[in-house]
N, C-alpha and C. Protein backbone atom coordinates (compact mmCIF):
# COMPACT_ATOMS: atom_id res chain seq x y z
N UNK A 1 93.25 99.87 139.40
CA UNK A 1 93.19 99.64 137.95
C UNK A 1 92.19 98.65 137.50
N UNK A 2 91.55 99.12 136.58
CA UNK A 2 90.40 98.19 136.03
C UNK A 2 90.89 97.27 134.99
N UNK A 3 90.01 96.27 134.68
CA UNK A 3 90.51 95.38 133.64
C UNK A 3 90.46 96.10 132.30
N UNK A 4 89.64 97.09 132.10
CA UNK A 4 89.67 97.87 130.93
C UNK A 4 90.93 98.59 130.78
N UNK A 5 91.54 99.19 131.84
CA UNK A 5 92.77 99.83 131.84
C UNK A 5 93.96 99.03 131.55
N UNK A 6 93.98 97.84 132.24
CA UNK A 6 94.97 96.78 131.98
C UNK A 6 94.89 96.45 130.46
N UNK A 7 93.72 96.06 129.94
CA UNK A 7 93.70 95.78 128.59
C UNK A 7 94.10 96.80 127.67
N UNK A 8 93.85 97.99 127.86
CA UNK A 8 94.24 99.07 127.16
C UNK A 8 95.82 99.19 127.04
N UNK A 9 96.30 99.21 128.26
CA UNK A 9 97.75 99.21 128.54
C UNK A 9 98.53 98.07 127.67
N UNK A 10 97.98 96.90 127.83
CA UNK A 10 98.73 95.93 127.04
C UNK A 10 98.49 96.09 125.55
N UNK A 11 97.39 96.46 125.06
CA UNK A 11 97.25 96.69 123.56
C UNK A 11 97.97 97.83 123.16
N UNK A 12 98.22 98.81 123.89
CA UNK A 12 99.00 100.14 123.58
C UNK A 12 100.56 99.65 123.50
N UNK A 13 100.97 98.85 124.47
CA UNK A 13 102.30 98.41 124.59
C UNK A 13 102.68 97.43 123.34
N UNK A 14 101.72 96.53 123.31
CA UNK A 14 101.96 95.56 121.99
C UNK A 14 101.88 96.18 120.80
N UNK A 15 101.06 97.06 120.42
CA UNK A 15 101.02 97.82 119.20
C UNK A 15 102.14 98.55 119.06
N UNK A 16 102.47 99.34 120.07
CA UNK A 16 103.46 100.30 120.06
C UNK A 16 104.86 99.56 119.87
N UNK A 17 105.13 98.51 120.58
CA UNK A 17 106.21 97.62 120.33
C UNK A 17 106.38 97.16 118.87
N UNK A 18 105.24 96.70 118.27
CA UNK A 18 105.37 96.13 117.07
C UNK A 18 105.64 97.31 115.97
N UNK A 19 105.06 98.52 116.04
CA UNK A 19 105.32 99.59 115.26
C UNK A 19 106.64 100.12 115.38
N UNK A 20 107.13 100.20 116.60
CA UNK A 20 108.48 100.73 116.97
C UNK A 20 109.35 99.81 116.28
N UNK A 21 109.34 98.57 116.42
CA UNK A 21 110.32 97.62 116.04
C UNK A 21 110.36 97.54 114.43
N UNK A 22 109.22 97.79 113.91
CA UNK A 22 109.09 97.90 112.36
C UNK A 22 110.21 98.88 111.91
N UNK A 23 109.98 100.10 112.57
CA UNK A 23 110.89 101.24 112.20
C UNK A 23 112.35 101.02 112.64
N UNK A 24 112.48 100.67 113.89
CA UNK A 24 113.87 100.36 114.51
C UNK A 24 114.67 99.47 113.72
N UNK A 25 114.05 98.21 113.48
CA UNK A 25 114.77 97.23 112.75
C UNK A 25 115.28 97.72 111.40
N UNK A 26 114.39 98.56 110.74
CA UNK A 26 114.58 98.91 109.29
C UNK A 26 115.71 100.01 109.41
N UNK A 27 115.81 100.84 110.55
CA UNK A 27 116.96 101.85 110.66
C UNK A 27 118.17 101.33 110.93
N UNK A 28 118.26 100.17 111.77
CA UNK A 28 119.52 99.72 112.14
C UNK A 28 119.97 98.50 111.05
N UNK A 29 119.10 98.24 110.19
CA UNK A 29 119.49 97.34 109.10
C UNK A 29 120.00 98.20 107.97
N UNK A 30 119.75 97.51 106.73
CA UNK A 30 120.10 98.08 105.46
C UNK A 30 118.91 99.04 104.96
N UNK A 31 119.18 100.33 105.31
CA UNK A 31 118.08 101.17 104.84
C UNK A 31 117.86 101.34 103.58
N UNK A 32 118.95 101.19 102.81
CA UNK A 32 118.94 101.32 101.24
C UNK A 32 118.25 100.05 100.73
N UNK A 33 118.43 98.96 101.30
CA UNK A 33 117.67 97.75 100.88
C UNK A 33 116.24 97.72 101.19
N UNK A 34 115.88 98.47 102.31
CA UNK A 34 114.45 98.46 102.56
C UNK A 34 113.72 99.52 101.53
N UNK A 35 114.53 100.54 101.27
CA UNK A 35 114.01 101.52 100.22
C UNK A 35 113.82 100.86 98.98
N UNK A 36 114.71 99.95 98.53
CA UNK A 36 114.79 99.44 97.25
C UNK A 36 113.52 98.24 97.22
N UNK A 37 113.38 97.70 98.36
CA UNK A 37 112.28 96.67 98.49
C UNK A 37 110.95 97.52 98.36
N UNK A 38 110.72 98.63 98.94
CA UNK A 38 109.47 99.40 98.79
C UNK A 38 109.35 99.90 97.32
N UNK A 39 110.39 100.19 96.66
CA UNK A 39 110.24 100.58 95.23
C UNK A 39 109.80 99.28 94.41
N UNK A 40 110.28 98.22 94.67
CA UNK A 40 110.00 96.99 94.07
C UNK A 40 108.48 96.79 94.30
N UNK A 41 108.13 96.53 95.51
CA UNK A 41 106.79 96.40 95.97
C UNK A 41 105.70 97.25 95.24
N UNK A 42 106.06 98.56 94.92
CA UNK A 42 105.15 99.56 94.49
C UNK A 42 105.30 99.88 93.07
N UNK A 43 106.14 99.01 92.39
CA UNK A 43 106.33 99.22 90.97
C UNK A 43 104.96 99.25 89.89
N UNK A 44 103.97 98.55 90.49
CA UNK A 44 102.67 98.64 89.67
C UNK A 44 101.81 99.73 90.07
N UNK A 45 102.13 100.55 91.10
CA UNK A 45 101.20 101.66 91.49
C UNK A 45 101.49 102.87 90.74
N UNK A 46 100.56 103.51 90.26
CA UNK A 46 100.70 104.85 89.48
C UNK A 46 101.07 105.85 90.34
N UNK A 47 102.28 105.64 90.79
CA UNK A 47 102.70 106.96 91.63
C UNK A 47 104.31 107.12 91.23
N UNK A 48 104.63 108.37 91.31
CA UNK A 48 105.93 108.90 90.85
C UNK A 48 106.97 108.04 91.84
N UNK A 49 108.09 107.64 90.99
CA UNK A 49 109.21 106.98 91.71
C UNK A 49 109.85 107.54 92.83
N UNK A 50 110.00 108.91 92.66
CA UNK A 50 110.64 109.63 93.69
C UNK A 50 109.77 109.60 94.95
N UNK A 51 108.35 109.62 94.79
CA UNK A 51 107.60 109.70 96.01
C UNK A 51 107.61 108.32 96.70
N UNK A 52 107.51 107.20 96.00
CA UNK A 52 107.67 105.99 96.50
C UNK A 52 108.92 105.84 97.27
N UNK A 53 110.04 106.15 96.61
CA UNK A 53 111.48 106.08 97.34
C UNK A 53 111.45 106.95 98.54
N UNK A 54 111.00 108.15 98.48
CA UNK A 54 110.78 109.03 99.69
C UNK A 54 110.09 108.43 100.84
N UNK A 55 109.01 107.58 100.54
CA UNK A 55 108.35 107.07 101.60
C UNK A 55 109.10 105.84 102.19
N UNK A 56 109.80 105.25 101.30
CA UNK A 56 110.69 104.09 101.94
C UNK A 56 111.76 104.59 102.80
N UNK A 57 112.22 105.88 102.56
CA UNK A 57 113.28 106.48 103.35
C UNK A 57 112.68 106.93 104.76
N UNK A 58 111.57 107.59 104.56
CA UNK A 58 111.07 108.26 105.87
C UNK A 58 110.02 107.28 106.60
N UNK A 59 109.56 106.26 106.05
CA UNK A 59 108.70 105.31 106.82
C UNK A 59 109.27 104.77 108.08
N UNK A 60 110.47 104.29 108.06
CA UNK A 60 110.95 103.72 109.43
C UNK A 60 111.09 104.81 110.37
N UNK A 61 111.47 106.07 110.11
CA UNK A 61 111.44 107.12 111.10
C UNK A 61 110.08 107.18 111.73
N UNK A 62 109.00 107.35 110.86
CA UNK A 62 107.75 107.70 111.41
C UNK A 62 107.20 106.43 112.15
N UNK A 63 107.38 105.23 111.63
CA UNK A 63 106.98 104.13 112.48
C UNK A 63 107.79 104.03 113.82
N UNK A 64 109.13 104.31 113.75
CA UNK A 64 109.84 104.35 115.07
C UNK A 64 109.28 105.31 116.06
N UNK A 65 109.04 106.54 115.69
CA UNK A 65 108.50 107.55 116.31
C UNK A 65 107.15 107.32 117.08
N UNK A 66 106.17 106.85 116.13
CA UNK A 66 104.93 106.70 116.74
C UNK A 66 104.89 105.54 117.55
N UNK A 67 105.67 104.41 117.30
CA UNK A 67 105.70 103.37 118.18
C UNK A 67 106.30 103.56 119.69
N UNK A 68 107.43 104.52 119.68
CA UNK A 68 107.96 104.82 120.82
C UNK A 68 106.98 105.73 121.67
N UNK A 69 106.34 106.59 120.98
CA UNK A 69 105.32 107.52 121.82
C UNK A 69 104.25 106.54 122.25
N UNK A 70 103.84 105.59 121.64
CA UNK A 70 102.81 104.62 122.18
C UNK A 70 103.28 103.90 123.28
N UNK A 71 104.57 103.30 123.25
CA UNK A 71 105.08 102.59 124.34
C UNK A 71 105.15 103.39 125.49
N UNK A 72 105.49 104.62 125.47
CA UNK A 72 105.78 105.48 126.65
C UNK A 72 104.43 106.13 127.07
N UNK A 73 103.34 106.10 126.17
CA UNK A 73 102.00 106.66 126.57
C UNK A 73 102.23 108.31 126.57
N UNK A 74 103.02 108.72 125.64
CA UNK A 74 103.42 110.14 125.67
C UNK A 74 102.68 110.69 124.29
N UNK A 75 101.88 111.75 124.46
CA UNK A 75 101.13 112.28 123.38
C UNK A 75 100.50 111.23 122.64
N UNK A 76 99.79 110.33 123.60
CA UNK A 76 99.20 109.13 123.07
C UNK A 76 98.12 109.35 121.91
N UNK A 77 97.08 110.40 122.04
CA UNK A 77 96.33 110.48 121.09
C UNK A 77 96.77 111.19 119.78
N UNK A 78 97.88 112.00 119.94
CA UNK A 78 98.55 112.38 118.72
C UNK A 78 99.26 111.41 118.04
N UNK A 79 99.71 110.35 118.76
CA UNK A 79 100.54 109.22 118.15
C UNK A 79 99.54 108.24 117.56
N UNK A 80 98.34 108.18 118.03
CA UNK A 80 97.44 107.09 117.46
C UNK A 80 96.89 107.91 116.29
N UNK A 81 96.65 109.16 116.15
CA UNK A 81 96.09 109.73 115.09
C UNK A 81 97.23 109.63 113.95
N UNK A 82 98.50 110.05 114.35
CA UNK A 82 99.57 109.91 113.41
C UNK A 82 99.75 108.49 112.69
N UNK A 83 99.60 107.54 113.62
CA UNK A 83 99.74 106.17 113.21
C UNK A 83 98.44 105.70 112.37
N UNK A 84 97.29 106.32 112.52
CA UNK A 84 96.24 106.01 111.66
C UNK A 84 96.36 106.62 110.28
N UNK A 85 96.91 107.94 110.44
CA UNK A 85 97.15 108.62 109.07
C UNK A 85 98.34 107.79 108.22
N UNK A 86 99.32 107.44 109.03
CA UNK A 86 100.41 106.58 108.33
C UNK A 86 99.66 105.34 107.71
N UNK A 87 98.83 104.64 108.34
CA UNK A 87 98.08 103.51 107.88
C UNK A 87 97.22 103.74 106.59
N UNK A 88 96.67 105.00 106.58
CA UNK A 88 95.86 105.57 105.51
C UNK A 88 96.74 105.70 104.31
N UNK A 89 97.86 106.22 104.49
CA UNK A 89 98.83 106.46 103.39
C UNK A 89 99.31 105.21 102.84
N UNK A 90 99.58 104.23 103.68
CA UNK A 90 100.05 102.93 103.31
C UNK A 90 98.93 102.14 102.57
N UNK A 91 97.69 102.34 103.03
CA UNK A 91 96.67 101.58 102.33
C UNK A 91 96.43 102.15 101.11
N UNK A 92 96.48 103.48 100.87
CA UNK A 92 96.32 104.09 99.48
C UNK A 92 97.48 103.51 98.54
N UNK A 93 98.74 103.54 98.97
CA UNK A 93 99.79 102.89 98.18
C UNK A 93 99.68 101.49 97.95
N UNK A 94 99.24 100.62 98.83
CA UNK A 94 99.03 99.36 98.77
C UNK A 94 98.05 98.90 97.96
N UNK A 95 96.84 99.56 97.94
CA UNK A 95 95.86 99.35 97.04
C UNK A 95 96.16 99.85 95.73
N UNK A 96 96.74 100.95 95.42
CA UNK A 96 97.21 101.40 93.98
C UNK A 96 97.98 100.32 93.47
N UNK A 97 98.92 99.60 94.19
CA UNK A 97 99.84 98.59 93.78
C UNK A 97 99.03 97.32 93.52
N UNK A 98 97.86 97.33 93.95
CA UNK A 98 96.98 96.16 93.98
C UNK A 98 97.53 95.00 94.63
N UNK A 99 98.06 95.18 95.82
CA UNK A 99 98.62 94.07 96.81
C UNK A 99 97.63 93.84 97.81
N UNK A 100 96.64 93.04 97.43
CA UNK A 100 95.45 92.87 98.27
C UNK A 100 95.75 92.26 99.58
N UNK A 101 96.59 91.27 99.43
CA UNK A 101 97.02 90.46 100.69
C UNK A 101 97.46 91.39 101.86
N UNK A 102 98.36 92.36 101.35
CA UNK A 102 99.01 93.32 102.30
C UNK A 102 98.04 94.30 102.76
N UNK A 103 97.18 94.70 101.83
CA UNK A 103 96.14 95.67 102.13
C UNK A 103 95.22 95.16 103.14
N UNK A 104 94.87 93.76 103.02
CA UNK A 104 93.98 93.12 104.05
C UNK A 104 94.63 93.05 105.47
N UNK A 105 95.89 92.63 105.31
CA UNK A 105 96.79 92.61 106.70
C UNK A 105 96.83 94.04 107.31
N UNK A 106 97.01 95.03 106.54
CA UNK A 106 97.10 96.28 107.17
C UNK A 106 95.80 96.80 107.81
N UNK A 107 94.66 96.22 107.45
CA UNK A 107 93.40 96.62 108.04
C UNK A 107 93.33 96.26 109.40
N UNK A 108 94.16 95.35 109.79
CA UNK A 108 94.19 94.82 111.35
C UNK A 108 94.64 96.00 111.96
N UNK A 109 95.97 96.47 111.60
CA UNK A 109 96.50 97.71 112.34
C UNK A 109 95.55 98.99 112.30
N UNK A 110 94.87 99.03 111.15
CA UNK A 110 93.84 100.18 111.17
C UNK A 110 92.82 99.95 112.27
N UNK A 111 92.32 98.75 112.61
CA UNK A 111 91.44 98.43 113.54
C UNK A 111 91.97 98.73 115.06
N UNK A 112 93.19 98.19 115.19
CA UNK A 112 93.94 98.39 116.46
C UNK A 112 93.96 99.95 116.83
N UNK A 113 94.33 100.65 115.86
CA UNK A 113 94.49 102.09 116.06
C UNK A 113 93.00 102.65 116.49
N UNK A 114 92.06 102.30 115.72
CA UNK A 114 90.72 102.68 115.87
C UNK A 114 90.40 102.37 117.39
N UNK A 115 90.45 101.14 117.83
CA UNK A 115 90.22 100.85 119.21
C UNK A 115 91.05 101.60 120.33
N UNK A 116 92.25 101.86 120.06
CA UNK A 116 93.00 102.53 121.05
C UNK A 116 92.53 103.92 121.05
N UNK A 117 92.23 104.49 119.92
CA UNK A 117 91.83 105.97 119.89
C UNK A 117 90.39 106.18 120.51
N UNK A 118 89.61 105.13 120.18
CA UNK A 118 88.31 105.24 120.73
C UNK A 118 88.19 105.07 122.24
N UNK A 119 89.07 104.35 122.80
CA UNK A 119 89.11 104.02 124.30
C UNK A 119 90.10 104.70 125.01
N UNK A 120 90.50 105.99 124.39
CA UNK A 120 91.77 106.65 125.09
C UNK A 120 91.51 107.03 126.51
N UNK A 121 90.26 107.25 126.95
CA UNK A 121 90.01 107.54 128.36
C UNK A 121 90.54 106.28 129.28
N UNK A 122 90.85 105.24 128.80
CA UNK A 122 91.38 104.29 129.52
C UNK A 122 92.90 104.10 129.71
N UNK A 123 93.44 105.07 129.19
CA UNK A 123 94.84 105.20 129.02
C UNK A 123 95.47 105.77 130.31
N UNK A 124 95.20 105.08 131.41
CA UNK A 124 95.70 105.45 132.85
C UNK A 124 97.17 105.19 133.04
N UNK A 125 97.79 104.26 132.48
CA UNK A 125 99.21 104.00 132.82
C UNK A 125 99.90 104.54 131.57
N UNK A 126 100.42 105.79 131.79
CA UNK A 126 101.00 106.44 130.72
C UNK A 126 101.78 107.67 131.29
N UNK A 127 102.72 108.22 130.45
CA UNK A 127 103.35 109.53 130.81
C UNK A 127 102.25 110.63 130.70
N UNK A 128 101.48 110.55 129.76
CA UNK A 128 100.33 111.55 129.63
C UNK A 128 99.62 111.73 130.91
N UNK A 129 99.14 110.77 131.45
CA UNK A 129 98.41 110.73 132.65
C UNK A 129 99.27 111.20 133.88
N UNK A 130 100.53 110.66 134.05
CA UNK A 130 101.51 111.17 134.92
C UNK A 130 101.76 112.48 135.11
N UNK A 131 101.86 113.12 133.92
CA UNK A 131 102.16 114.55 133.73
C UNK A 131 100.90 115.39 134.01
N UNK A 132 99.81 114.85 133.68
CA UNK A 132 98.51 115.48 133.85
C UNK A 132 98.33 115.55 135.49
N UNK A 133 98.62 114.48 136.16
CA UNK A 133 98.38 114.33 137.62
C UNK A 133 99.43 115.35 138.34
N UNK A 134 100.65 115.55 137.74
CA UNK A 134 101.73 116.46 138.28
C UNK A 134 101.23 117.94 138.25
N UNK A 135 100.48 118.24 137.13
CA UNK A 135 100.07 119.66 136.77
C UNK A 135 99.00 120.05 137.77
N UNK A 136 98.30 119.16 138.39
CA UNK A 136 97.19 119.59 139.32
C UNK A 136 97.62 120.04 140.59
């Protein structure tokens, strides 16, 4: 195991746990309160209310799924692309709401997804690699 593979594993696990716990904590908590919070945060955005509310309901499921796949190293590239697209959607909404502090903070996640996707060949310790080795 190289230092690059260790670094990749630790970054994938850390970001995966962060994203998973974003979703999981919202799912086991008061989901209606979270959806209402999203509605309130996005009140300045020129987006239809039903769309904003739908995102507030679906977002925790998306975060939980992407995060769990990243923790497991399962369908890693797909999970990283999905996470990147999720961040793109959040960036669009956040910028439309002119919440620049949050938009700036979200760019850190965008960068981390970029790094993990760019260096996916270092994803040695994952279910993806385990299954790949078993198929040979």
